[in-house]
């Protein structure tokens, strides 16, 4: 026998029609939401947030390595400038002393050249004078010339000695300068280490103070949240035990539990009621109904409405 097979498309359309008929309208849900809202509201009640805002602060992290890195970065300009100044002063003084040595050498060379010219002139004058007097080969002339030669050598030696003494004095200054330079670098290292330690300690101390404040604040929020959840649980139990959702005295509840607790209970109950109602729908059907009926958003409140939308989008 031939068996007629219904296509998937026709089957889906049929199921949708049946589903729509079984849930003819959302009037029942809207009515329930209004009833809950009316039950847990008073004429004089102020509209409060649907949910208390228990916002915790992020913990303040104390990362010693990060603190040290930041401190080094902050002191980088100070360190570079200080070391550059030490190096600059050292190089300037060293170059000046080395320049003095070159000046002394040039001066000694000039002195020797001048002495050489002076003694050549003296020797020439003595020889000419001896020739005029016919004493060119006399022992007197020879002794005179030898005296000039010895004096010239003595002058050169004196110039060399003075040059050597002056260079030795400058080399001593260069040695002292180098010691002062190394000492300045060492002193700066100590000063820099002290500044770095102070900055690290200062930042760490401030972070510890902030950390304590955050811990204290979060503890206070945790206490408030715990108290809130405790009151909410008590309210839910009282209502469940006494069937107060039929006979509830809103003013009594607000007075006993506070507006935030009652409003949170009301918000939860309205959300659960809506979620339970739409559990028989497909996700697509639930979203279609919710997004095309603005009354749901008004009754549920923006937070619950968005939460419900997101639930069916998963």
C-alpha atoms as a PDB file:
ATOM      1  CA  UNK A   1       0.000   0.000   0.000  1.00  0.00           C
ATOM      2  CA  UNK A   2       1.218   3.461  -0.877  1.00  0.00           C
ATOM      3  CA  UNK A   3       1.978   5.520   2.228  1.00  0.00           C
ATOM      4  CA  UNK A   4       1.702   9.277   1.869  1.00  0.00           C
ATOM      5  CA  UNK A   5       4.619  11.061   3.544  1.00  0.00           C
ATOM      6  CA  UNK A   6       4.131  14.559   4.867  1.00  0.00           C
ATOM      7  CA  UNK A   7       7.005  16.840   3.965  1.00  0.00           C
ATOM      8  CA  UNK A   8       9.021  18.415   6.751  1.00  0.00           C
ATOM      9  CA  UNK A   9       7.876  21.873   5.723  1.00  0.00           C
ATOM     10  CA  UNK A  10       4.174  20.929   5.980  1.00  0.00           C
ATOM     11  CA  UNK A  11       4.824  19.169   9.287  1.00  0.00           C
ATOM     12  CA  UNK A  12       6.552  22.234  10.720  1.00  0.00           C
ATOM     13  CA  UNK A  13       3.712  24.500   9.592  1.00  0.00           C
ATOM     14  CA  UNK A  14       1.174  22.172  11.153  1.00  0.00           C
ATOM     15  CA  UNK A  15       3.063  22.026  14.426  1.00  0.00           C
ATOM     16  CA  UNK A  16       3.293  25.793  14.493  1.00  0.00           C
ATOM     17  CA  UNK A  17      -0.448  26.139  13.975  1.00  0.00           C
ATOM     18  CA  UNK A  18      -1.154  23.595  16.718  1.00  0.00           C
ATOM     19  CA  UNK A  19       1.333  25.297  19.020  1.00  0.00           C
ATOM     20  CA  UNK A  20      -0.234  28.684  18.378  1.00  0.00           C
ATOM     21  CA  UNK A  21      -3.713  27.333  19.021  1.00  0.00           C
ATOM     22  CA  UNK A  22      -2.620  25.709  22.280  1.00  0.00           C
ATOM     23  CA  UNK A  23      -1.185  29.013  23.371  1.00  0.00           C
ATOM     24  CA  UNK A  24      -3.921  31.082  21.842  1.00  0.00           C
ATOM     25  CA  UNK A  25      -2.619  34.382  23.214  1.00  0.00           C
ATOM     26  CA  UNK A  26      -0.326  35.801  25.826  1.00  0.00           C
ATOM     27  CA  UNK A  27      -3.172  37.469  27.710  1.00  0.00           C
ATOM     28  CA  UNK A  28      -2.889  34.922  30.493  1.00  0.00           C
ATOM     29  CA  UNK A  29       0.807  35.688  31.034  1.00  0.00           C
ATOM     30  CA  UNK A  30       0.245  39.440  30.923  1.00  0.00           C
ATOM     31  CA  UNK A  31      -2.552  39.026  33.448  1.00  0.00           C
ATOM     32  CA  UNK A  32      -0.312  37.021  35.789  1.00  0.00           C
ATOM     33  CA  UNK A  33       2.496  39.576  35.508  1.00  0.00           C
ATOM     34  CA  UNK A  34       0.108  42.426  36.281  1.00  0.00           C
ATOM     35  CA  UNK A  35      -1.250  40.502  39.246  1.00  0.00           C
ATOM     36  CA  UNK A  36       2.254  39.957  40.653  1.00  0.00           C
ATOM     37  CA  UNK A  37       3.129  43.586  40.078  1.00  0.00           C
ATOM     38  CA  UNK A  38      -0.062  44.787  41.766  1.00  0.00           C
ATOM     39  CA  UNK A  39       0.329  42.353  44.655  1.00  0.00           C
ATOM     40  CA  UNK A  40       3.802  43.518  45.565  1.00  0.00           C
ATOM     41  CA  UNK A  41       3.288  47.218  44.962  1.00  0.00           C
ATOM     42  CA  UNK A  42       1.831  50.038  47.024  1.00  0.00           C
ATOM     43  CA  UNK A  43       0.297  53.255  45.839  1.00  0.00           C
ATOM     44  CA  UNK A  44       2.938  55.244  47.692  1.00  0.00           C
ATOM     45  CA  UNK A  45       5.906  53.015  46.875  1.00  0.00           C
ATOM     46  CA  UNK A  46       8.806  54.577  45.026  1.00  0.00           C
ATOM     47  CA  UNK A  47      10.114  52.883  41.902  1.00  0.00           C
ATOM     48  CA  UNK A  48      13.471  51.419  42.891  1.00  0.00           C
ATOM     49  CA  UNK A  49      16.043  49.465  40.845  1.00  0.00           C
ATOM     50  CA  UNK A  50      14.921  45.951  40.062  1.00  0.00           C
ATOM     51  CA  UNK A  51      18.111  44.568  41.566  1.00  0.00           C
ATOM     52  CA  UNK A  52      20.496  45.999  44.167  1.00  0.00           C
ATOM     53  CA  UNK A  53      23.898  46.886  42.809  1.00  0.00           C
ATOM     54  CA  UNK A  54      26.439  44.837  44.748  1.00  0.00           C
ATOM     55  CA  UNK A  55      29.500  45.927  42.803  1.00  0.00           C
ATOM     56  CA  UNK A  56      32.833  44.648  44.053  1.00  0.00           C
ATOM     57  CA  UNK A  57      36.095  46.436  43.377  1.00  0.00           C
ATOM     58  CA  UNK A  58      38.916  44.563  41.702  1.00  0.00           C
ATOM     59  CA  UNK A  59      41.643  43.525  44.064  1.00  0.00           C
ATOM     60  CA  UNK A  60      44.727  45.754  44.009  1.00  0.00           C
ATOM     61  CA  UNK A  61      47.605  43.591  42.834  1.00  0.00           C
ATOM     62  CA  UNK A  62      51.036  44.181  44.349  1.00  0.00           C
ATOM     63  CA  UNK A  63      53.507  42.927  41.772  1.00  0.00           C
ATOM     64  CA  UNK A  64      56.991  43.610  43.107  1.00  0.00           C
ATOM     65  CA  UNK A  65      58.666  43.069  39.753  1.00  0.00           C
ATOM     66  CA  UNK A  66      56.230  45.420  38.008  1.00  0.00           C
ATOM     67  CA  UNK A  67      56.668  48.056  40.719  1.00  0.00           C
ATOM     68  CA  UNK A  68      60.455  47.856  40.339  1.00  0.00           C
ATOM     69  CA  UNK A  69      60.236  48.076  36.537  1.00  0.00           C
ATOM     70  CA  UNK A  70      57.970  51.120  36.746  1.00  0.00           C
ATOM     71  CA  UNK A  71      60.260  52.780  39.297  1.00  0.00           C
ATOM     72  CA  UNK A  72      63.299  52.185  37.078  1.00  0.00           C
ATOM     73  CA  UNK A  73      61.448  53.672  34.120  1.00  0.00           C
ATOM     74  CA  UNK A  74      60.423  56.736  36.135  1.00  0.00           C
ATOM     75  CA  UNK A  75      64.030  57.289  37.287  1.00  0.00           C
ATOM     76  CA  UNK A  76      65.531  56.643  33.862  1.00  0.00           C
ATOM     77  CA  UNK A  77      65.845  60.324  32.860  1.00  0.00           C
ATOM     78  CA  UNK A  78      67.296  61.226  36.249  1.00  0.00           C
ATOM     79  CA  UNK A  79      69.821  58.380  35.997  1.00  0.00           C
ATOM     80  CA  UNK A  80      70.871  59.159  32.419  1.00  0.00           C
ATOM     81  CA  UNK A  81      71.191  62.894  33.091  1.00  0.00           C
ATOM     82  CA  UNK A  82      73.241  62.357  36.242  1.00  0.00           C
ATOM     83  CA  UNK A  83      75.626  59.857  34.650  1.00  0.00           C
ATOM     84  CA  UNK A  84      75.972  62.016  31.541  1.00  0.00           C
ATOM     85  CA  UNK A  85      76.900  64.999  33.719  1.00  0.00           C
ATOM     86  CA  UNK A  86      79.506  62.960  35.609  1.00  0.00           C
ATOM     87  CA  UNK A  87      80.962  61.665  32.330  1.00  0.00           C
ATOM     88  CA  UNK A  88      80.903  65.127  30.762  1.00  0.00           C
ATOM     89  CA  UNK A  89      82.703  66.743  33.698  1.00  0.00           C
ATOM     90  CA  UNK A  90      85.268  63.957  33.725  1.00  0.00           C
ATOM     91  CA  UNK A  91      85.914  64.138  29.982  1.00  0.00           C
ATOM     92  CA  UNK A  92      86.180  67.940  30.082  1.00  0.00           C
ATOM     93  CA  UNK A  93      88.742  67.901  32.908  1.00  0.00           C
ATOM     94  CA  UNK A  94      90.675  65.010  31.360  1.00  0.00           C
ATOM     95  CA  UNK A  95      90.830  66.695  27.958  1.00  0.00           C
ATOM     96  CA  UNK A  96      91.951  69.932  29.577  1.00  0.00           C
ATOM     97  CA  UNK A  97      94.826  68.186  31.410  1.00  0.00           C
ATOM     98  CA  UNK A  98      95.863  66.257  28.298  1.00  0.00           C
ATOM     99  CA  UNK A  99      95.757  69.499  26.376  1.00  0.00           C
ATOM    100  CA  UNK A 100      98.051  71.049  29.009  1.00  0.00           C
ATOM    101  CA  UNK A 101     100.547  68.226  28.459  1.00  0.00           C
ATOM    102  CA  UNK A 102     100.573  68.908  24.716  1.00  0.00           C
ATOM    103  CA  UNK A 103     101.021  72.610  25.411  1.00  0.00           C
ATOM    104  CA  UNK A 104     103.980  71.897  27.730  1.00  0.00           C
ATOM    105  CA  UNK A 105     105.598  69.650  25.113  1.00  0.00           C
ATOM    106  CA  UNK A 106     105.187  72.289  22.419  1.00  0.00           C
ATOM    107  CA  UNK A 107     106.523  74.960  24.760  1.00  0.00           C
ATOM    108  CA  UNK A 108     109.575  72.809  25.628  1.00  0.00           C
ATOM    109  CA  UNK A 109     110.207  72.184  21.950  1.00  0.00           C
ATOM    110  CA  UNK A 110     110.004  75.915  21.237  1.00  0.00           C
ATOM    111  CA  UNK A 111     112.332  76.645  24.173  1.00  0.00           C
ATOM    112  CA  UNK A 112     114.893  74.180  22.853  1.00  0.00           C
ATOM    113  CA  UNK A 113     114.702  75.653  19.375  1.00  0.00           C
ATOM    114  CA  UNK A 114     115.109  79.160  20.772  1.00  0.00           C
ATOM    115  CA  UNK A 115     118.034  78.058  22.960  1.00  0.00           C
ATOM    116  CA  UNK A 116     119.647  76.367  19.983  1.00  0.00           C
ATOM    117  CA  UNK A 117     119.396  79.554  17.943  1.00  0.00           C
ATOM    118  CA  UNK A 118     120.747  81.634  20.841  1.00  0.00           C
ATOM    119  CA  UNK A 119     123.749  79.356  21.377  1.00  0.00           C
ATOM    120  CA  UNK A 120     124.446  79.176  17.626  1.00  0.00           C
ATOM    121  CA  UNK A 121     124.514  82.969  17.576  1.00  0.00           C
ATOM    122  CA  UNK A 122     126.845  83.070  20.595  1.00  0.00           C
ATOM    123  CA  UNK A 123     129.176  80.523  19.041  1.00  0.00           C
ATOM    124  CA  UNK A 124     129.177  82.352  15.717  1.00  0.00           C
ATOM    125  CA  UNK A 125     129.889  85.699  17.384  1.00  0.00           C
ATOM    126  CA  UNK A 126     132.722  84.170  19.426  1.00  0.00           C
ATOM    127  CA  UNK A 127     134.285  82.600  16.311  1.00  0.00           C
ATOM    128  CA  UNK A 128     134.027  85.862  14.339  1.00  0.00           C
ATOM    129  CA  UNK A 129     135.546  87.794  17.220  1.00  0.00           C
ATOM    130  CA  UNK A 130     138.431  85.305  17.440  1.00  0.00           C
ATOM    131  CA  UNK A 131     139.053  85.590  13.719  1.00  0.00           C
ATOM    132  CA  UNK A 132     139.257  89.358  13.951  1.00  0.00           C
ATOM    133  CA  UNK A 133     141.798  89.053  16.690  1.00  0.00           C
ATOM    134  CA  UNK A 134     143.699  86.207  15.048  1.00  0.00           C
ATOM    135  CA  UNK A 135     142.732  83.777  17.777  1.00  0.00           C
ATOM    136  CA  UNK A 136     140.608  81.380  15.728  1.00  0.00           C
ATOM    137  CA  UNK A 137     142.533  78.294  16.857  1.00  0.00           C
ATOM    138  CA  UNK A 138     143.515  79.466  20.266  1.00  0.00           C
ATOM    139  CA  UNK A 139     142.666  77.468  23.374  1.00  0.00           C
ATOM    140  CA  UNK A 140     140.671  80.403  24.667  1.00  0.00           C
ATOM    141  CA  UNK A 141     138.280  80.253  21.749  1.00  0.00           C
ATOM    142  CA  UNK A 142     138.059  76.476  21.928  1.00  0.00           C
ATOM    143  CA  UNK A 143     137.306  76.609  25.644  1.00  0.00           C
ATOM    144  CA  UNK A 144     134.700  79.331  25.064  1.00  0.00           C
ATOM    145  CA  UNK A 145     132.950  77.275  22.392  1.00  0.00           C
ATOM    146  CA  UNK A 146     133.021  74.173  24.591  1.00  0.00           C
ATOM    147  CA  UNK A 147     131.472  76.217  27.404  1.00  0.00           C
ATOM    148  CA  UNK A 148     128.670  77.281  25.075  1.00  0.00           C
ATOM    149  CA  UNK A 149     128.108  73.668  24.025  1.00  0.00           C
ATOM    150  CA  UNK A 150     127.986  72.486  27.630  1.00  0.00           C
ATOM    151  CA  UNK A 151     125.662  75.332  28.567  1.00  0.00           C
ATOM    152  CA  UNK A 152     123.399  74.424  25.657  1.00  0.00           C
ATOM    153  CA  UNK A 153     123.255  70.810  26.789  1.00  0.00           C
ATOM    154  CA  UNK A 154     122.581  71.952  30.353  1.00  0.00           C
ATOM    155  CA  UNK A 155     119.769  74.204  29.103  1.00  0.00           C
ATOM    156  CA  UNK A 156     118.225  71.318  27.167  1.00  0.00           C
ATOM    157  CA  UNK A 157     118.415  69.101  30.203  1.00  0.00           C
ATOM    158  CA  UNK A 158     116.797  71.773  32.337  1.00  0.00           C
ATOM    159  CA  UNK A 159     113.979  72.171  29.808  1.00  0.00           C
ATOM    160  CA  UNK A 160     113.478  68.374  29.701  1.00  0.00           C
ATOM    161  CA  UNK A 161     113.478  68.191  33.494  1.00  0.00           C
ATOM    162  CA  UNK A 162     110.905  70.954  33.840  1.00  0.00           C
ATOM    163  CA  UNK A 163     108.782  69.304  31.145  1.00  0.00           C
ATOM    164  CA  UNK A 164     109.025  65.929  32.877  1.00  0.00           C
ATOM    165  CA  UNK A 165     108.169  67.432  36.277  1.00  0.00           C
ATOM    166  CA  UNK A 166     105.175  69.276  34.850  1.00  0.00           C
ATOM    167  CA  UNK A 167     103.940  66.200  32.968  1.00  0.00           C
ATOM    168  CA  UNK A 168     104.325  64.082  36.092  1.00  0.00           C
ATOM    169  CA  UNK A 169     102.280  66.649  38.033  1.00  0.00           C
ATOM    170  CA  UNK A 170      99.563  66.563  35.393  1.00  0.00           C
ATOM    171  CA  UNK A 171      99.610  62.756  35.302  1.00  0.00           C
ATOM    172  CA  UNK A 172      99.121  62.830  39.058  1.00  0.00           C
ATOM    173  CA  UNK A 173      96.114  65.101  38.512  1.00  0.00           C
ATOM    174  CA  UNK A 174      94.821  62.701  35.851  1.00  0.00           C
ATOM    175  CA  UNK A 175      95.162  59.803  38.283  1.00  0.00           C
ATOM    176  CA  UNK A 176      93.368  61.797  40.978  1.00  0.00           C
ATOM    177  CA  UNK A 177      90.716  62.807  38.434  1.00  0.00           C
ATOM    178  CA  UNK A 178      90.125  59.173  37.476  1.00  0.00           C
ATOM    179  CA  UNK A 179      89.777  58.239  41.162  1.00  0.00           C
ATOM    180  CA  UNK A 180      87.304  61.101  41.651  1.00  0.00           C
ATOM    181  CA  UNK A 181      85.420  59.954  38.559  1.00  0.00           C
ATOM    182  CA  UNK A 182      85.084  56.389  39.843  1.00  0.00           C
ATOM    183  CA  UNK A 183      84.128  57.724  43.264  1.00  0.00           C
ATOM    184  CA  UNK A 184      81.460  59.959  41.700  1.00  0.00           C
ATOM    185  CA  UNK A 185      80.027  56.966  39.813  1.00  0.00           C
ATOM    186  CA  UNK A 186      80.039  54.858  42.993  1.00  0.00           C
ATOM    187  CA  UNK A 187      78.400  57.654  44.983  1.00  0.00           C
ATOM    188  CA  UNK A 188      75.758  58.018  42.317  1.00  0.00           C
ATOM    189  CA  UNK A 189      75.089  54.265  42.331  1.00  0.00           C
ATOM    190  CA  UNK A 190      74.464  54.495  46.079  1.00  0.00           C
ATOM    191  CA  UNK A 191      72.267  57.594  45.663  1.00  0.00           C
ATOM    192  CA  UNK A 192      70.352  56.000  42.775  1.00  0.00           C
ATOM    193  CA  UNK A 193      69.825  52.765  44.710  1.00  0.00           C
ATOM    194  CA  UNK A 194      68.505  54.816  47.625  1.00  0.00           C
ATOM    195  CA  UNK A 195      66.091  56.769  45.414  1.00  0.00           C
ATOM    196  CA  UNK A 196      64.948  53.580  43.700  1.00  0.00           C
ATOM    197  CA  UNK A 197      64.356  51.911  47.057  1.00  0.00           C
ATOM    198  CA  UNK A 198      62.419  54.941  48.323  1.00  0.00           C
ATOM    199  CA  UNK A 199      60.234  55.038  45.225  1.00  0.00           C
ATOM    200  CA  UNK A 200      59.539  51.293  45.355  1.00  0.00           C
ATOM    201  CA  UNK A 201      58.695  51.537  49.062  1.00  0.00           C
ATOM    202  CA  UNK A 202      56.452  54.565  48.482  1.00  0.00           C
ATOM    203  CA  UNK A 203      54.519  52.926  45.638  1.00  0.00           C
ATOM    204  CA  UNK A 204      54.250  49.623  47.527  1.00  0.00           C
ATOM    205  CA  UNK A 205      52.955  51.409  50.621  1.00  0.00           C
ATOM    206  CA  UNK A 206      50.327  53.290  48.610  1.00  0.00           C
ATOM    207  CA  UNK A 207      49.230  50.073  46.909  1.00  0.00           C
ATOM    208  CA  UNK A 208      48.957  48.355  50.281  1.00  0.00           C
ATOM    209  CA  UNK A 209      46.781  51.202  51.542  1.00  0.00           C
ATOM    210  CA  UNK A 210      44.584  50.951  48.427  1.00  0.00           C
ATOM    211  CA  UNK A 211      44.500  47.171  48.821  1.00  0.00           C
ATOM    212  CA  UNK A 212      43.300  47.504  52.415  1.00  0.00           C
ATOM    213  CA  UNK A 213      40.617  49.989  51.364  1.00  0.00           C
ATOM    214  CA  UNK A 214      39.419  47.642  48.592  1.00  0.00           C
ATOM    215  CA  UNK A 215      39.346  44.670  50.979  1.00  0.00           C
ATOM    216  CA  UNK A 216      37.424  46.699  53.557  1.00  0.00           C
ATOM    217  CA  UNK A 217      34.991  47.966  50.915  1.00  0.00           C
ATOM    218  CA  UNK A 218      34.424  44.498  49.427  1.00  0.00           C
ATOM    219  CA  UNK A 219      33.887  43.050  52.912  1.00  0.00           C
ATOM    220  CA  UNK A 220      31.230  45.667  53.563  1.00  0.00           C
ATOM    221  CA  UNK A 221      29.576  44.888  50.212  1.00  0.00           C
ATOM    222  CA  UNK A 222      29.746  41.160  50.990  1.00  0.00           C
ATOM    223  CA  UNK A 223      28.038  41.765  54.348  1.00  0.00           C
ATOM    224  CA  UNK A 224      25.309  43.828  52.697  1.00  0.00           C
ATOM    225  CA  UNK A 225      24.861  41.225  49.985  1.00  0.00           C
ATOM    226  CA  UNK A 226      24.722  38.407  52.529  1.00  0.00           C
ATOM    227  CA  UNK A 227      22.170  40.338  54.593  1.00  0.00           C
ATOM    228  CA  UNK A 228      20.162  41.063  51.466  1.00  0.00           C
ATOM    229  CA  UNK A 229      20.184  37.405  50.349  1.00  0.00           C
ATOM    230  CA  UNK A 230      19.266  36.296  53.872  1.00  0.00           C
ATOM    231  CA  UNK A 231      16.248  38.640  53.945  1.00  0.00           C
ATOM    232  CA  UNK A 232      15.270  37.593  50.434  1.00  0.00           C
ATOM    233  CA  UNK A 233      15.425  33.918  51.426  1.00  0.00           C
ATOM    234  CA  UNK A 234      13.315  34.628  54.520  1.00  0.00           C
ATOM    235  CA  UNK A 235      10.770  36.516  52.433  1.00  0.00           C
ATOM    236  CA  UNK A 236      10.576  33.697  49.897  1.00  0.00           C
ATOM    237  CA  UNK A 237      10.123  31.159  52.711  1.00  0.00           C
ATOM    238  CA  UNK A 238       7.455  33.237  54.468  1.00  0.00           C
ATOM    239  CA  UNK A 239       5.524  33.676  51.244  1.00  0.00           C
ATOM    240  CA  UNK A 240       5.845  29.992  50.350  1.00  0.00           C
ATOM    241  CA  UNK A 241       4.759  28.897  53.863  1.00  0.00           C
ATOM    242  CA  UNK A 242       1.833  31.299  54.212  1.00  0.00           C
ATOM    243  CA  UNK A 243       0.634  31.606  50.648  1.00  0.00           C
ATOM    244  CA  UNK A 244       1.159  35.341  50.947  1.00  0.00           C
ATOM    245  CA  UNK A 245       1.191  35.771  47.206  1.00  0.00           C
ATOM    246  CA  UNK A 246      -2.617  35.546  47.486  1.00  0.00           C
ATOM    247  CA  UNK A 247      -3.096  37.526  50.677  1.00  0.00           C
ATOM    248  CA  UNK A 248       0.035  39.625  50.799  1.00  0.00           C
ATOM    249  CA  UNK A 249       0.075  43.006  52.537  1.00  0.00           C
ATOM    250  CA  UNK A 250       2.599  44.961  50.468  1.00  0.00           C
ATOM    251  CA  UNK A 251       3.012  47.673  53.107  1.00  0.00           C
ATOM    252  CA  UNK A 252       3.768  45.065  55.746  1.00  0.00           C
ATOM    253  CA  UNK A 253       6.338  43.376  53.499  1.00  0.00           C
ATOM    254  CA  UNK A 254       8.040  46.656  52.599  1.00  0.00           C
ATOM    255  CA  UNK A 255       8.153  47.582  56.256  1.00  0.00           C
ATOM    256  CA  UNK A 256       9.562  44.220  57.381  1.00  0.00           C
ATOM    257  CA  UNK A 257      12.019  43.434  54.589  1.00  0.00           C
ATOM    258  CA  UNK A 258      12.700  46.758  52.895  1.00  0.00           C
ATOM    259  CA  UNK A 259      11.922  47.928  49.393  1.00  0.00           C
ATOM    260  CA  UNK A 260      15.014  46.414  47.751  1.00  0.00           C
ATOM    261  CA  UNK A 261      14.281  42.908  49.051  1.00  0.00           C
ATOM    262  CA  UNK A 262      10.593  43.027  48.120  1.00  0.00           C
ATOM    263  CA  UNK A 263      11.305  44.484  44.687  1.00  0.00           C
ATOM    264  CA  UNK A 264      13.938  41.805  44.083  1.00  0.00           C
ATOM    265  CA  UNK A 265      11.466  39.078  45.078  1.00  0.00           C
ATOM    266  CA  UNK A 266       8.842  40.611  42.801  1.00  0.00           C
ATOM    267  CA  UNK A 267      11.373  40.848  39.975  1.00  0.00           C
ATOM    268  CA  UNK A 268      12.448  37.199  40.406  1.00  0.00           C
ATOM    269  CA  UNK A 269       8.851  35.984  40.555  1.00  0.00           C
ATOM    270  CA  UNK A 270       7.884  37.867  37.407  1.00  0.00           C
ATOM    271  CA  UNK A 271      10.935  36.536  35.563  1.00  0.00           C
ATOM    272  CA  UNK A 272      10.321  32.932  36.681  1.00  0.00           C
ATOM    273  CA  UNK A 273       6.651  33.218  35.711  1.00  0.00           C
ATOM    274  CA  UNK A 274       7.525  34.470  32.224  1.00  0.00           C
ATOM    275  CA  UNK A 275      10.304  31.909  31.768  1.00  0.00           C
ATOM    276  CA  UNK A 276       8.019  29.075  32.807  1.00  0.00           C
ATOM    277  CA  UNK A 277       5.286  30.326  30.481  1.00  0.00           C
ATOM    278  CA  UNK A 278       7.588  30.432  27.442  1.00  0.00           C
ATOM    279  CA  UNK A 279       9.170  27.060  28.225  1.00  0.00           C
ATOM    280  CA  UNK A 280       6.523  25.473  26.022  1.00  0.00           C
ATOM    281  CA  UNK A 281       7.594  27.602  23.071  1.00  0.00           C
ATOM    282  CA  UNK A 282      10.455  27.074  20.710  1.00  0.00           C
ATOM    283  CA  UNK A 283      13.224  29.651  20.973  1.00  0.00           C
ATOM    284  CA  UNK A 284      12.141  31.267  17.736  1.00  0.00           C
ATOM    285  CA  UNK A 285       8.498  31.482  18.848  1.00  0.00           C
ATOM    286  CA  UNK A 286       9.395  32.900  22.262  1.00  0.00           C
ATOM    287  CA  UNK A 287      11.624  35.561  20.723  1.00  0.00           C
ATOM    288  CA  UNK A 288       8.982  36.446  18.163  1.00  0.00           C
ATOM    289  CA  UNK A 289       6.362  37.007  20.882  1.00  0.00           C
ATOM    290  CA  UNK A 290       8.689  38.905  23.211  1.00  0.00           C
ATOM    291  CA  UNK A 291      10.160  41.187  20.562  1.00  0.00           C
ATOM    292  CA  UNK A 292       6.786  42.064  19.076  1.00  0.00           C
ATOM    293  CA  UNK A 293       4.921  42.919  22.254  1.00  0.00           C
ATOM    294  CA  UNK A 294       6.240  46.021  24.012  1.00  0.00           C
ATOM    295  CA  UNK A 295       3.979  45.371  27.011  1.00  0.00           C
ATOM    296  CA  UNK A 296       6.281  42.565  28.158  1.00  0.00           C
ATOM    297  CA  UNK A 297       9.202  44.939  28.406  1.00  0.00           C
ATOM    298  CA  UNK A 298       7.113  47.422  30.384  1.00  0.00           C
ATOM    299  CA  UNK A 299       5.853  44.798  32.831  1.00  0.00           C
ATOM    300  CA  UNK A 300       9.068  42.810  33.248  1.00  0.00           C
ATOM    301  CA  UNK A 301      11.389  45.798  33.391  1.00  0.00           C
ATOM    302  CA  UNK A 302      14.388  46.265  31.136  1.00  0.00           C
ATOM    303  CA  UNK A 303      16.729  44.004  33.110  1.00  0.00           C
ATOM    304  CA  UNK A 304      14.382  41.001  33.224  1.00  0.00           C
ATOM    305  CA  UNK A 305      13.260  41.558  29.646  1.00  0.00           C
ATOM    306  CA  UNK A 306      16.820  41.586  28.307  1.00  0.00           C
ATOM    307  CA  UNK A 307      17.706  38.568  30.461  1.00  0.00           C
ATOM    308  CA  UNK A 308      14.756  36.668  29.030  1.00  0.00           C
ATOM    309  CA  UNK A 309      15.688  37.620  25.447  1.00  0.00           C
ATOM    310  CA  UNK A 310      19.259  36.465  25.997  1.00  0.00           C
ATOM    311  CA  UNK A 311      18.014  33.187  27.487  1.00  0.00           C
ATOM    312  CA  UNK A 312      16.172  32.299  24.277  1.00  0.00           C
ATOM    313  CA  UNK A 313      19.016  33.436  22.044  1.00  0.00           C
ATOM    314  CA  UNK A 314      21.403  30.821  23.487  1.00  0.00           C
END
